[in-house]
Amino acid sequence: MTVSRGWNGTWIDKGDLVEVGNASWNGALGTGGTATIGYNATHGGGTPPFLSPTLDGVVCG
């Protein structure tokens, strides 16, 4: 999978791994605060896309 565009974060495509960091404006959310991220990507049929997304190493679900 290749991320072609991401928003509300800083995106680093490392082949089989995509890392997303905070944007300049959402790095210090208050208690109960939220931030929504999004992306556009293409999938060529190799590694399945985002089967187990994680946040700070903890699986999201």
Protein backbone atom coordinates (compact mmCIF):
# COMPACT_ATOMS: atom_id res chain seq x y z
CA MET A 1 0.00 0.00 0.00
CA THR A 2 1.22 3.49 -0.79
CA VAL A 3 -0.22 6.54 0.94
CA SER A 4 -0.59 9.25 -1.70
CA ARG A 5 -2.11 11.91 0.56
CA GLY A 6 -2.78 12.22 4.28
CA TRP A 7 -4.31 14.99 6.35
CA ASN A 8 -4.40 16.16 9.97
CA GLY A 9 -1.04 14.51 10.64
CA THR A 10 2.49 14.07 9.35
CA TRP A 11 2.72 10.92 7.23
CA ILE A 12 5.78 8.75 6.63
CA ASP A 13 5.38 5.80 4.24
CA LYS A 14 7.98 3.12 5.04
CA GLY A 15 6.76 0.44 2.63
CA ASP A 16 5.00 -2.15 4.81
CA LEU A 17 4.59 0.44 7.59
CA VAL A 18 2.97 3.87 7.56
CA GLU A 19 3.62 6.17 10.51
CA VAL A 20 1.44 9.16 11.37
CA GLY A 21 2.53 11.85 13.79
CA ASN A 22 0.61 14.82 15.09
CA ALA A 23 0.14 17.96 13.02
CA SER A 24 1.45 21.23 14.43
CA TRP A 25 -2.01 22.22 15.69
CA ASN A 26 -3.15 18.91 17.28
CA GLY A 27 -0.09 17.76 19.23
CA ALA A 28 -1.40 18.77 22.65
CA LEU A 29 -5.08 17.86 22.87
CA GLY A 30 -6.80 18.45 26.19
CA THR A 31 -8.52 15.74 28.20
CA GLY A 32 -11.29 14.23 26.08
CA GLY A 33 -10.02 16.03 22.97
CA THR A 34 -10.07 14.30 19.62
CA ALA A 35 -8.33 14.55 16.29
CA THR A 36 -9.43 12.81 13.12
CA ILE A 37 -6.91 11.69 10.50
CA GLY A 38 -7.52 10.56 6.96
CA TYR A 39 -5.62 9.35 3.94
CA ASN A 40 -5.82 8.35 0.30
CA ALA A 41 -3.84 5.28 -0.73
CA THR A 42 -3.36 2.72 -3.43
CA HIS A 43 -3.03 -1.02 -2.84
CA GLY A 44 -1.17 -3.19 -5.29
CA GLY A 45 -2.18 -6.57 -3.86
CA GLY A 46 0.93 -7.35 -1.77
CA THR A 47 0.78 -6.59 1.93
CA PRO A 48 -2.83 -6.23 3.13
CA PRO A 49 -3.72 -2.64 4.07
CA PHE A 50 -3.88 -1.63 7.76
CA LEU A 51 -5.07 -4.86 9.35
CA SER A 52 -3.93 -3.81 12.82
CA PRO A 53 -3.56 -0.04 13.17
CA THR A 54 -1.87 1.02 16.41
CA LEU A 55 -1.59 4.22 18.43
CA ASP A 56 1.64 4.52 20.42
CA GLY A 57 2.11 0.78 19.99
CA VAL A 58 -1.40 -0.15 21.22
CA VAL A 59 -3.76 -1.81 18.72
CA CYS A 60 -6.78 0.39 17.87
CA GLY A 61 -10.17 -1.20 17.68
